[in-house]
Amino acid sequence: MVNLSVFQGSRALLLPSTVEVFCRRRYVGVQETLESVKEKILVVDDEASIRRILETRLSMIGYDVVTAADGEEALDTFRHEIPDLVVLDVMMPKLDGYGVCQELRKESDIPIIMLTALGDVADRITGLELGADDYVVKPFSPKELEARIRSVLRRVEKTGTSGIPSSGVITINNIRIDTNKRQVYKGDERIRLTGMEFSLLELLVSRSGEPFSRSEILQEVWGYTPERHVDTRVVDVHISRLRAKLEDDPSNPELILTARGTGYLFQRIVEPGEE
């Protein structure tokens, strides 16, 4: 191999043509790195066939997929891989999906979609109460799960909503909502919200004083129309979670109100100068 560097004292100097080649290669390398960045999904399921199918299908539509076969492996993989979304089965050895969800919520706001074969509605809702963003019932269509994944990631990354002040900051009582940074403060304390919780809050605030039906909220935030009555429970559980984090007395809410027979609304926000 020909050494294209020359030495001046103790310094190695690259010849001009070599510098050009080096810079060009670095530029192409950076380009390839940027283009190769994909959203990473962690699929957690103790059934190898489901892991293989989801890994194949999600990889085919452009996601980087990592997998885990049990709850303990899921937590280790999560901390090592830092995914953008977790697809999490409920019934697993060592640590079930509920336990994994609880642990993830202690350290992250990552979107979580739970897979459940449990027939009881209460069992399905448990995952939502522990912090999951959505759930899919087994047996499921891979296309349905793919649509849910796209919807959750799109909503979590979405910025800008009509009805929000140009500053992006809304203050009501001791609550400050910064829609640009997607952060919420109660007094001086930052309140930790998941991406879907913030998207729900942002939607309600965008039309403060006006009620949203549960179906409308599900369509706007989760991106799908309810096919069963139980689907709208996703909305109810997220409303309860928001109230628990924002209200002084969640049992008597003053910010996120119930519109009887309709759904929910955020207390009307009075802008400065309005009566």
C-alpha atoms as a PDB file:
ATOM      1  CA  MET A   1       0.000   0.000   0.000  1.00  0.00           C
ATOM      2  CA  VAL A   2       1.317   3.436  -0.945  1.00  0.00           C
ATOM      3  CA  ASN A   3       1.539   5.883   1.935  1.00  0.00           C
ATOM      4  CA  LEU A   4       0.182   9.189   0.605  1.00  0.00           C
ATOM      5  CA  SER A   5       1.167  11.213   3.635  1.00  0.00           C
ATOM      6  CA  VAL A   6       4.353  13.256   3.907  1.00  0.00           C
ATOM      7  CA  PHE A   7       6.044  14.275   7.098  1.00  0.00           C
ATOM      8  CA  GLN A   8       7.128  17.692   8.199  1.00  0.00           C
ATOM      9  CA  GLY A   9       8.929  17.440  11.470  1.00  0.00           C
ATOM     10  CA  SER A  10       6.721  15.238  13.631  1.00  0.00           C
ATOM     11  CA  ARG A  11       3.548  16.040  11.676  1.00  0.00           C
ATOM     12  CA  ALA A  12       2.020  13.901   8.964  1.00  0.00           C
ATOM     13  CA  LEU A  13       0.536  16.037   6.165  1.00  0.00           C
ATOM     14  CA  LEU A  14      -1.984  14.689   3.663  1.00  0.00           C
ATOM     15  CA  LEU A  15      -1.437  15.505   0.027  1.00  0.00           C
ATOM     16  CA  PRO A  16      -4.235  17.666  -1.511  1.00  0.00           C
ATOM     17  CA  SER A  17      -5.687  14.804  -3.551  1.00  0.00           C
ATOM     18  CA  THR A  18      -5.738  12.628  -0.453  1.00  0.00           C
ATOM     19  CA  VAL A  19      -7.510  15.337   1.545  1.00  0.00           C
ATOM     20  CA  GLU A  20     -10.216  15.517  -1.124  1.00  0.00           C
ATOM     21  CA  VAL A  21     -10.718  11.759  -1.091  1.00  0.00           C
ATOM     22  CA  PHE A  22     -10.777  11.703   2.721  1.00  0.00           C
ATOM     23  CA  CYS A  23     -13.350  14.516   2.956  1.00  0.00           C
ATOM     24  CA  ARG A  24     -15.498  12.989   0.226  1.00  0.00           C
ATOM     25  CA  ARG A  25     -15.537   9.645   2.017  1.00  0.00           C
ATOM     26  CA  ARG A  26     -16.393  11.303   5.324  1.00  0.00           C
ATOM     27  CA  TYR A  27     -19.227  13.256   3.666  1.00  0.00           C
ATOM     28  CA  VAL A  28     -20.647  10.119   2.043  1.00  0.00           C
ATOM     29  CA  GLY A  29     -20.314   8.279   5.364  1.00  0.00           C
ATOM     30  CA  VAL A  30     -22.267  10.972   7.201  1.00  0.00           C
ATOM     31  CA  GLN A  31     -24.934  10.936   4.493  1.00  0.00           C
ATOM     32  CA  GLU A  32     -25.295   7.177   4.722  1.00  0.00           C
ATOM     33  CA  THR A  33     -25.492   7.383   8.518  1.00  0.00           C
ATOM     34  CA  LEU A  34     -28.249  10.001   8.398  1.00  0.00           C
ATOM     35  CA  GLU A  35     -30.212   8.086   5.771  1.00  0.00           C
ATOM     36  CA  SER A  36     -29.893   4.832   7.703  1.00  0.00           C
ATOM     37  CA  VAL A  37     -31.465   6.205  10.898  1.00  0.00           C
ATOM     38  CA  LYS A  38     -34.721   4.310  11.442  1.00  0.00           C
ATOM     39  CA  GLU A  39     -37.288   4.272  14.187  1.00  0.00           C
ATOM     40  CA  LYS A  40     -36.487   1.352  16.437  1.00  0.00           C
ATOM     41  CA  ILE A  41     -39.183  -0.946  17.805  1.00  0.00           C
ATOM     42  CA  LEU A  42     -38.740  -3.418  20.638  1.00  0.00           C
ATOM     43  CA  VAL A  43     -41.038  -6.449  20.231  1.00  0.00           C
ATOM     44  CA  VAL A  44     -41.507  -8.431  23.459  1.00  0.00           C
ATOM     45  CA  ASP A  45     -43.325 -11.771  23.278  1.00  0.00           C
ATOM     46  CA  ASP A  46     -42.553 -15.242  24.619  1.00  0.00           C
ATOM     47  CA  GLU A  47     -43.895 -16.854  21.432  1.00  0.00           C
ATOM     48  CA  ALA A  48     -41.033 -17.187  18.953  1.00  0.00           C
ATOM     49  CA  SER A  49     -43.408 -17.355  15.974  1.00  0.00           C
ATOM     50  CA  ILE A  50     -44.951 -13.979  16.842  1.00  0.00           C
ATOM     51  CA  ARG A  51     -41.522 -12.410  17.330  1.00  0.00           C
ATOM     52  CA  ARG A  52     -40.380 -13.710  13.918  1.00  0.00           C
ATOM     53  CA  ILE A  53     -43.511 -12.555  12.093  1.00  0.00           C
ATOM     54  CA  LEU A  54     -43.470  -9.072  13.615  1.00  0.00           C
ATOM     55  CA  GLU A  55     -39.729  -8.674  13.162  1.00  0.00           C
ATOM     56  CA  THR A  56     -40.036  -9.596   9.480  1.00  0.00           C
ATOM     57  CA  ARG A  57     -43.076  -7.463   8.733  1.00  0.00           C
ATOM     58  CA  LEU A  58     -41.953  -4.386  10.652  1.00  0.00           C
ATOM     59  CA  SER A  59     -38.482  -4.588   9.095  1.00  0.00           C
ATOM     60  CA  MET A  60     -40.059  -4.761   5.633  1.00  0.00           C
ATOM     61  CA  ILE A  61     -41.886  -1.460   6.180  1.00  0.00           C
ATOM     62  CA  GLY A  62     -38.778   0.348   7.349  1.00  0.00           C
ATOM     63  CA  TYR A  63     -38.403  -0.126  11.090  1.00  0.00           C
ATOM     64  CA  ASP A  64     -35.331  -1.297  12.944  1.00  0.00           C
ATOM     65  CA  VAL A  65     -36.584  -4.189  15.110  1.00  0.00           C
ATOM     66  CA  VAL A  66     -35.108  -5.753  18.236  1.00  0.00           C
ATOM     67  CA  THR A  67     -36.798  -8.520  20.212  1.00  0.00           C
ATOM     68  CA  ALA A  68     -37.018 -10.011  23.692  1.00  0.00           C
ATOM     69  CA  ALA A  69     -38.585 -13.276  24.884  1.00  0.00           C
ATOM     70  CA  ASP A  70     -39.428 -12.414  28.491  1.00  0.00           C
ATOM     71  CA  GLY A  71     -39.896  -9.472  30.814  1.00  0.00           C
ATOM     72  CA  GLU A  72     -36.403  -9.387  32.263  1.00  0.00           C
ATOM     73  CA  GLU A  73     -34.803  -9.555  28.813  1.00  0.00           C
ATOM     74  CA  ALA A  74     -37.178  -6.807  27.694  1.00  0.00           C
ATOM     75  CA  LEU A  75     -35.891  -4.396  30.345  1.00  0.00           C
ATOM     76  CA  ASP A  76     -32.251  -5.223  29.563  1.00  0.00           C
ATOM     77  CA  THR A  77     -32.838  -4.782  25.822  1.00  0.00           C
ATOM     78  CA  PHE A  78     -34.721  -1.542  26.371  1.00  0.00           C
ATOM     79  CA  ARG A  79     -31.869  -0.010  28.370  1.00  0.00           C
ATOM     80  CA  HIS A  80     -29.276  -1.148  25.867  1.00  0.00           C
ATOM     81  CA  GLU A  81     -31.080  -0.433  22.588  1.00  0.00           C
ATOM     82  CA  ILE A  82     -33.145   2.667  23.549  1.00  0.00           C
ATOM     83  CA  PRO A  83     -36.053   1.977  21.161  1.00  0.00           C
ATOM     84  CA  ASP A  84     -38.679   4.470  19.987  1.00  0.00           C
ATOM     85  CA  LEU A  85     -41.662   2.226  20.789  1.00  0.00           C
ATOM     86  CA  VAL A  86     -42.324  -1.034  22.629  1.00  0.00           C
ATOM     87  CA  VAL A  87     -44.785  -3.739  21.552  1.00  0.00           C
ATOM     88  CA  LEU A  88     -45.335  -5.643  24.776  1.00  0.00           C
ATOM     89  CA  ASP A  89     -47.094  -8.966  25.386  1.00  0.00           C
ATOM     90  CA  VAL A  90     -48.894  -9.369  28.707  1.00  0.00           C
ATOM     91  CA  MET A  91     -48.478 -13.058  29.539  1.00  0.00           C
ATOM     92  CA  MET A  92     -44.740 -13.798  29.768  1.00  0.00           C
ATOM     93  CA  PRO A  93     -42.365 -15.714  32.040  1.00  0.00           C
ATOM     94  CA  LYS A  94     -40.088 -14.154  34.691  1.00  0.00           C
ATOM     95  CA  LEU A  95     -41.843 -10.773  34.570  1.00  0.00           C
ATOM     96  CA  ASP A  96     -45.192 -10.212  32.876  1.00  0.00           C
ATOM     97  CA  GLY A  97     -46.084  -7.311  30.617  1.00  0.00           C
ATOM     98  CA  TYR A  98     -47.755  -5.386  33.432  1.00  0.00           C
ATOM     99  CA  GLY A  99     -44.549  -5.511  35.475  1.00  0.00           C
ATOM    100  CA  VAL A 100     -42.461  -4.453  32.489  1.00  0.00           C
ATOM    101  CA  CYS A 101     -44.830  -1.553  31.797  1.00  0.00           C
ATOM    102  CA  GLN A 102     -44.555  -0.362  35.386  1.00  0.00           C
ATOM    103  CA  GLU A 103     -40.761  -0.486  35.277  1.00  0.00           C
ATOM    104  CA  LEU A 104     -40.590   1.326  31.941  1.00  0.00           C
ATOM    105  CA  ARG A 105     -42.832   4.098  33.195  1.00  0.00           C
ATOM    106  CA  LYS A 106     -40.489   4.713  36.128  1.00  0.00           C
ATOM    107  CA  GLU A 107     -37.736   5.729  33.750  1.00  0.00           C
ATOM    108  CA  SER A 108     -39.244   6.570  30.370  1.00  0.00           C
ATOM    109  CA  ASP A 109     -42.202   8.057  28.499  1.00  0.00           C
ATOM    110  CA  ILE A 110     -41.666   5.717  25.539  1.00  0.00           C
ATOM    111  CA  PRO A 111     -44.845   4.729  23.662  1.00  0.00           C
ATOM    112  CA  ILE A 112     -46.073   1.257  24.671  1.00  0.00           C
ATOM    113  CA  ILE A 113     -48.595  -0.891  22.790  1.00  0.00           C
ATOM    114  CA  MET A 114     -49.670  -3.972  24.704  1.00  0.00           C
ATOM    115  CA  LEU A 115     -50.670  -7.308  23.195  1.00  0.00           C
ATOM    116  CA  THR A 116     -53.240  -9.172  25.240  1.00  0.00           C
ATOM    117  CA  ALA A 117     -55.049 -12.469  24.837  1.00  0.00           C
ATOM    118  CA  LEU A 118     -57.026 -11.833  28.020  1.00  0.00           C
ATOM    119  CA  GLY A 119     -60.740 -11.757  27.358  1.00  0.00           C
ATOM    120  CA  ASP A 120     -61.814  -9.737  30.378  1.00  0.00           C
ATOM    121  CA  VAL A 121     -62.142  -6.027  29.666  1.00  0.00           C
ATOM    122  CA  ALA A 122     -60.760  -5.200  33.120  1.00  0.00           C
ATOM    123  CA  ASP A 123     -57.577  -7.115  32.301  1.00  0.00           C
ATOM    124  CA  ARG A 124     -57.151  -5.156  29.074  1.00  0.00           C
ATOM    125  CA  ILE A 125     -57.654  -1.854  30.845  1.00  0.00           C
ATOM    126  CA  THR A 126     -55.045  -2.707  33.490  1.00  0.00           C
ATOM    127  CA  GLY A 127     -52.224  -2.125  31.023  1.00  0.00           C
ATOM    128  CA  LEU A 128     -53.590   1.315  30.170  1.00  0.00           C
ATOM    129  CA  GLU A 129     -53.870   2.221  33.825  1.00  0.00           C
ATOM    130  CA  LEU A 130     -50.222   1.258  34.294  1.00  0.00           C
ATOM    131  CA  GLY A 131     -49.157   3.598  31.508  1.00  0.00           C
ATOM    132  CA  ALA A 132     -49.556   1.826  28.148  1.00  0.00           C
ATOM    133  CA  ASP A 133     -50.636   4.030  25.239  1.00  0.00           C
ATOM    134  CA  ASP A 134     -52.790   1.476  23.420  1.00  0.00           C
ATOM    135  CA  TYR A 135     -53.509  -2.243  23.234  1.00  0.00           C
ATOM    136  CA  VAL A 136     -54.246  -4.850  20.574  1.00  0.00           C
ATOM    137  CA  VAL A 137     -56.175  -8.029  21.343  1.00  0.00           C
ATOM    138  CA  LYS A 138     -54.797 -11.421  20.285  1.00  0.00           C
ATOM    139  CA  PRO A 139     -55.318 -12.951  17.807  1.00  0.00           C
ATOM    140  CA  PHE A 140     -54.634  -9.830  15.773  1.00  0.00           C
ATOM    141  CA  SER A 141     -53.938  -8.843  12.199  1.00  0.00           C
ATOM    142  CA  PRO A 142     -50.328  -7.690  11.701  1.00  0.00           C
ATOM    143  CA  LYS A 143     -51.727  -4.896   9.536  1.00  0.00           C
ATOM    144  CA  GLU A 144     -53.805  -3.658  12.462  1.00  0.00           C
ATOM    145  CA  LEU A 145     -50.748  -3.559  14.703  1.00  0.00           C
ATOM    146  CA  GLU A 146     -48.720  -1.802  12.018  1.00  0.00           C
ATOM    147  CA  ALA A 147     -51.434   0.848  11.721  1.00  0.00           C
ATOM    148  CA  ARG A 148     -51.492   1.338  15.507  1.00  0.00           C
ATOM    149  CA  ILE A 149     -47.695   1.705  15.570  1.00  0.00           C
ATOM    150  CA  ARG A 150     -47.734   4.308  12.802  1.00  0.00           C
ATOM    151  CA  SER A 151     -50.544   6.201  14.505  1.00  0.00           C
ATOM    152  CA  VAL A 152     -48.865   6.305  17.926  1.00  0.00           C
ATOM    153  CA  LEU A 153     -45.469   7.343  16.545  1.00  0.00           C
ATOM    154  CA  ARG A 154     -47.028   9.974  14.294  1.00  0.00           C
ATOM    155  CA  ARG A 155     -49.069  11.472  17.131  1.00  0.00           C
ATOM    156  CA  VAL A 156     -46.179  11.473  19.586  1.00  0.00           C
ATOM    157  CA  GLU A 157     -43.968  13.317  17.080  1.00  0.00           C
ATOM    158  CA  LYS A 158     -46.681  15.709  15.882  1.00  0.00           C
ATOM    159  CA  THR A 159     -46.215  19.366  16.710  1.00  0.00           C
ATOM    160  CA  GLY A 160     -48.504  22.311  16.121  1.00  0.00           C
ATOM    161  CA  THR A 161     -52.259  22.289  16.641  1.00  0.00           C
ATOM    162  CA  SER A 162     -54.825  24.850  15.559  1.00  0.00           C
ATOM    163  CA  GLY A 163     -56.290  26.783  18.458  1.00  0.00           C
ATOM    164  CA  ILE A 164     -52.957  26.973  20.276  1.00  0.00           C
ATOM    165  CA  PRO A 165     -51.429  30.480  20.756  1.00  0.00           C
ATOM    166  CA  SER A 166     -48.556  31.340  18.426  1.00  0.00           C
ATOM    167  CA  SER A 167     -46.217  31.350  21.424  1.00  0.00           C
ATOM    168  CA  GLY A 168     -47.109  27.729  22.012  1.00  0.00           C
ATOM    169  CA  VAL A 169     -47.439  28.374  25.753  1.00  0.00           C
ATOM    170  CA  ILE A 170     -50.740  28.183  27.623  1.00  0.00           C
ATOM    171  CA  THR A 171     -51.144  29.108  31.279  1.00  0.00           C
ATOM    172  CA  ILE A 172     -54.221  28.350  33.340  1.00  0.00           C
ATOM    173  CA  ASN A 173     -54.157  28.680  37.114  1.00  0.00           C
ATOM    174  CA  ASN A 174     -50.869  27.059  38.168  1.00  0.00           C
ATOM    175  CA  ILE A 175     -50.597  24.888  35.052  1.00  0.00           C
ATOM    176  CA  ARG A 176     -48.270  25.871  32.206  1.00  0.00           C
ATOM    177  CA  ILE A 177     -48.409  23.917  28.955  1.00  0.00           C
ATOM    178  CA  ASP A 178     -45.562  24.388  26.474  1.00  0.00           C
ATOM    179  CA  THR A 179     -46.679  22.817  23.198  1.00  0.00           C
ATOM    180  CA  ASN A 180     -43.365  23.554  21.482  1.00  0.00           C
ATOM    181  CA  LYS A 181     -41.321  21.575  23.994  1.00  0.00           C
ATOM    182  CA  ARG A 182     -44.240  19.239  24.779  1.00  0.00           C
ATOM    183  CA  GLN A 183     -43.790  19.885  28.476  1.00  0.00           C
ATOM    184  CA  VAL A 184     -46.222  20.625  31.306  1.00  0.00           C
ATOM    185  CA  TYR A 185     -45.484  22.355  34.606  1.00  0.00           C
ATOM    186  CA  LYS A 186     -47.586  22.541  37.731  1.00  0.00           C
ATOM    187  CA  GLY A 187     -46.155  25.469  39.595  1.00  0.00           C
ATOM    188  CA  ASP A 188     -42.383  25.002  39.342  1.00  0.00           C
ATOM    189  CA  GLU A 189     -42.626  21.219  39.054  1.00  0.00           C
ATOM    190  CA  ARG A 190     -42.459  19.562  35.672  1.00  0.00           C
ATOM    191  CA  ILE A 191     -45.214  16.982  35.269  1.00  0.00           C
ATOM    192  CA  ARG A 192     -44.108  13.915  33.374  1.00  0.00           C
ATOM    193  CA  LEU A 193     -46.567  12.966  30.621  1.00  0.00           C
ATOM    194  CA  THR A 194     -46.315  10.227  28.031  1.00  0.00           C
ATOM    195  CA  GLY A 195     -46.462  11.297  24.393  1.00  0.00           C
ATOM    196  CA  MET A 196     -50.069  10.205  24.044  1.00  0.00           C
ATOM    197  CA  GLU A 197     -51.094  11.894  27.291  1.00  0.00           C
ATOM    198  CA  PHE A 198     -49.629  15.154  26.030  1.00  0.00           C
ATOM    199  CA  SER A 199     -51.322  14.759  22.633  1.00  0.00           C
ATOM    200  CA  LEU A 200     -54.660  14.219  24.369  1.00  0.00           C
ATOM    201  CA  LEU A 201     -54.148  17.274  26.561  1.00  0.00           C
ATOM    202  CA  GLU A 202     -53.102  19.355  23.556  1.00  0.00           C
ATOM    203  CA  LEU A 203     -56.242  18.322  21.673  1.00  0.00           C
ATOM    204  CA  LEU A 204     -58.559  19.252  24.562  1.00  0.00           C
ATOM    205  CA  VAL A 205     -56.827  22.600  25.082  1.00  0.00           C
ATOM    206  CA  SER A 206     -57.002  23.447  21.371  1.00  0.00           C
ATOM    207  CA  ARG A 207     -60.791  23.776  21.713  1.00  0.00           C
ATOM    208  CA  SER A 208     -61.085  24.675  25.366  1.00  0.00           C
ATOM    209  CA  GLY A 209     -64.670  24.996  26.524  1.00  0.00           C
ATOM    210  CA  GLU A 210     -65.936  22.752  23.713  1.00  0.00           C
ATOM    211  CA  PRO A 211     -66.716  19.065  24.307  1.00  0.00           C
ATOM    212  CA  PHE A 212     -65.128  16.199  22.398  1.00  0.00           C
ATOM    213  CA  SER A 213     -66.884  12.863  22.107  1.00  0.00           C
ATOM    214  CA  ARG A 214     -64.899   9.762  23.054  1.00  0.00           C
ATOM    215  CA  SER A 215     -65.045   8.572  19.445  1.00  0.00           C
ATOM    216  CA  GLU A 216     -63.722  11.912  18.208  1.00  0.00           C
ATOM    217  CA  ILE A 217     -60.849  11.834  20.682  1.00  0.00           C
ATOM    218  CA  LEU A 218     -59.983   8.254  19.727  1.00  0.00           C
ATOM    219  CA  GLN A 219     -59.940   9.229  16.054  1.00  0.00           C
ATOM    220  CA  GLU A 220     -57.905  12.404  16.555  1.00  0.00           C
ATOM    221  CA  VAL A 221     -55.336  11.098  19.036  1.00  0.00           C
ATOM    222  CA  TRP A 222     -55.099   7.351  18.386  1.00  0.00           C
ATOM    223  CA  GLY A 223     -55.987   7.492  14.719  1.00  0.00           C
ATOM    224  CA  TYR A 224     -58.712   4.879  14.496  1.00  0.00           C
ATOM    225  CA  THR A 225     -62.492   4.672  14.778  1.00  0.00           C
ATOM    226  CA  PRO A 226     -63.860   2.564  17.648  1.00  0.00           C
ATOM    227  CA  GLU A 227     -65.295  -0.766  16.505  1.00  0.00           C
ATOM    228  CA  ARG A 228     -66.414  -1.861  19.961  1.00  0.00           C
ATOM    229  CA  HIS A 229     -67.598   0.023  23.013  1.00  0.00           C
ATOM    230  CA  VAL A 230     -64.527  -1.124  24.917  1.00  0.00           C
ATOM    231  CA  ASP A 231     -62.282   0.761  22.461  1.00  0.00           C
ATOM    232  CA  THR A 232     -63.358   4.090  23.949  1.00  0.00           C
ATOM    233  CA  ARG A 233     -62.165   2.942  27.372  1.00  0.00           C
ATOM    234  CA  VAL A 234     -58.689   3.844  26.110  1.00  0.00           C
ATOM    235  CA  VAL A 235     -59.844   7.461  26.237  1.00  0.00           C
ATOM    236  CA  ASP A 236     -61.397   7.148  29.703  1.00  0.00           C
ATOM    237  CA  VAL A 237     -58.244   5.670  31.199  1.00  0.00           C
ATOM    238  CA  HIS A 238     -56.011   8.354  29.677  1.00  0.00           C
ATOM    239  CA  ILE A 239     -58.347  11.068  30.967  1.00  0.00           C
ATOM    240  CA  SER A 240     -58.075   9.548  34.449  1.00  0.00           C
ATOM    241  CA  ARG A 241     -54.292   9.505  34.173  1.00  0.00           C
ATOM    242  CA  LEU A 242     -54.211  13.163  33.113  1.00  0.00           C
ATOM    243  CA  ARG A 243     -56.495  14.181  35.962  1.00  0.00           C
ATOM    244  CA  ALA A 244     -54.338  12.325  38.467  1.00  0.00           C
ATOM    245  CA  LYS A 245     -51.293  14.270  37.280  1.00  0.00           C
ATOM    246  CA  LEU A 246     -52.792  17.737  36.759  1.00  0.00           C
ATOM    247  CA  GLU A 247     -55.778  18.199  39.056  1.00  0.00           C
ATOM    248  CA  ASP A 248     -55.481  19.212  42.712  1.00  0.00           C
ATOM    249  CA  ASP A 249     -58.388  16.877  43.449  1.00  0.00           C
ATOM    250  CA  PRO A 250     -58.812  14.321  40.626  1.00  0.00           C
ATOM    251  CA  SER A 251     -62.171  13.198  42.042  1.00  0.00           C
ATOM    252  CA  ASN A 252     -63.496  16.760  41.592  1.00  0.00           C
ATOM    253  CA  PRO A 253     -61.739  17.967  38.444  1.00  0.00           C
ATOM    254  CA  GLU A 254     -61.634  21.649  37.562  1.00  0.00           C
ATOM    255  CA  LEU A 255     -59.530  21.491  34.401  1.00  0.00           C
ATOM    256  CA  ILE A 256     -60.583  18.381  32.478  1.00  0.00           C
ATOM    257  CA  LEU A 257     -64.333  18.155  32.775  1.00  0.00           C
ATOM    258  CA  THR A 258     -66.863  15.485  31.848  1.00  0.00           C
ATOM    259  CA  ALA A 259     -69.462  16.467  29.257  1.00  0.00           C
ATOM    260  CA  ARG A 260     -72.437  14.373  30.265  1.00  0.00           C
ATOM    261  CA  GLY A 261     -73.602  12.115  27.468  1.00  0.00           C
ATOM    262  CA  THR A 262     -70.810  13.322  25.190  1.00  0.00           C
ATOM    263  CA  GLY A 263     -67.246  12.968  26.365  1.00  0.00           C
ATOM    264  CA  TYR A 264     -64.769  15.459  27.796  1.00  0.00           C
ATOM    265  CA  LEU A 265     -63.713  19.080  27.562  1.00  0.00           C
ATOM    266  CA  PHE A 266     -61.014  21.317  28.963  1.00  0.00           C
ATOM    267  CA  GLN A 267     -62.100  24.296  31.038  1.00  0.00           C
ATOM    268  CA  ARG A 268     -62.500  27.352  28.838  1.00  0.00           C
ATOM    269  CA  ILE A 269     -59.260  29.284  28.741  1.00  0.00           C
ATOM    270  CA  VAL A 270     -59.793  33.026  29.004  1.00  0.00           C
ATOM    271  CA  GLU A 271     -57.182  34.972  27.085  1.00  0.00           C
ATOM    272  CA  PRO A 272     -55.865  38.270  28.522  1.00  0.00           C
ATOM    273  CA  GLY A 273     -58.325  41.057  27.705  1.00  0.00           C
ATOM    274  CA  GLU A 274     -61.320  38.739  27.405  1.00  0.00           C
ATOM    275  CA  GLU A 275     -64.159  38.976  29.853  1.00  0.00           C
END
